[in-house]
């Protein structure tokens, strides 16, 4: 895989990696893991809500009154 960054992105990544005393690759890999994990949880929650909320819509509507 090749990741192409703009000059500004590459410089920001280089500065961050230096600040953390890590390689640029390590910083990018962690960012990807966090992105995938965060979106996976959000997708799962959205799916559960889409499946379960309609079942309780009448009760939720009553609670809202």
Protein backbone atom coordinates (compact mmCIF):
# COMPACT_ATOMS: atom_id res chain seq x y z
CA UNK A 1 0.00 0.00 0.00
CA UNK A 2 1.22 3.48 -0.82
CA UNK A 3 -0.08 6.48 1.06
CA UNK A 4 0.31 9.79 -0.72
CA UNK A 5 0.18 12.86 1.49
CA UNK A 6 0.30 16.52 0.63
CA UNK A 7 3.42 18.36 1.71
CA UNK A 8 1.49 19.90 4.60
CA UNK A 9 0.10 16.56 5.74
CA UNK A 10 3.52 14.92 5.57
CA UNK A 11 5.08 17.74 7.56
CA UNK A 12 2.35 17.62 10.21
CA UNK A 13 2.78 13.85 10.48
CA UNK A 14 6.56 14.18 10.72
CA UNK A 15 6.24 16.77 13.52
CA UNK A 16 3.74 14.61 15.40
CA UNK A 17 5.92 11.52 15.10
CA UNK A 18 8.95 13.45 16.34
CA UNK A 19 6.96 14.85 19.26
CA UNK A 20 5.87 11.32 20.26
CA UNK A 21 9.32 9.81 19.58
CA UNK A 22 7.72 7.34 17.20
CA UNK A 23 7.99 6.58 13.52
CA UNK A 24 5.60 8.17 11.07
CA UNK A 25 4.44 4.67 10.17
CA UNK A 26 3.55 3.90 13.79
CA UNK A 27 1.52 7.11 14.08
CA UNK A 28 -0.39 6.36 10.88
CA UNK A 29 -1.06 2.74 11.84
CA UNK A 30 -2.45 3.80 15.22
CA UNK A 31 -4.63 6.44 13.58
CA UNK A 32 -6.05 3.84 11.20
CA UNK A 33 -6.75 1.40 14.05
CA UNK A 34 -8.53 4.10 16.05
CA UNK A 35 -10.56 5.18 13.01
CA UNK A 36 -11.66 1.63 12.16
CA UNK A 37 -12.48 0.73 15.78
CA UNK A 38 -14.39 3.96 16.35
CA UNK A 39 -16.42 3.64 13.18
CA UNK A 40 -17.07 -0.05 13.76
CA UNK A 41 -18.62 0.73 17.16
CA UNK A 42 -20.67 3.58 15.72
CA UNK A 43 -21.90 1.36 12.87
CA UNK A 44 -22.88 -1.38 15.31
CA UNK A 45 -24.76 1.07 17.51
CA UNK A 46 -26.55 2.54 14.49
CA UNK A 47 -27.57 -0.93 13.35
CA UNK A 48 -28.89 -1.88 16.78
CA UNK A 49 -30.83 1.37 17.06
CA UNK A 50 -32.27 0.97 13.55
CA UNK A 51 -33.39 -2.57 14.43
CA UNK A 52 -34.66 -2.00 17.96
CA UNK A 53 -36.10 1.53 18.10
CA UNK A 54 -39.07 0.78 15.84
CA UNK A 55 -40.07 -2.02 18.19
CA UNK A 56 -40.34 0.46 21.07
CA UNK A 57 -41.55 3.50 19.13
CA UNK A 58 -45.00 3.55 20.76
CA UNK A 59 -43.57 3.34 24.29
CA UNK A 60 -40.98 6.00 23.49
CA UNK A 61 -43.65 8.28 22.08
CA UNK A 62 -45.72 7.88 25.25
CA UNK A 63 -42.70 8.65 27.41
CA UNK A 64 -42.12 11.80 25.41
CA UNK A 65 -45.60 13.15 26.15
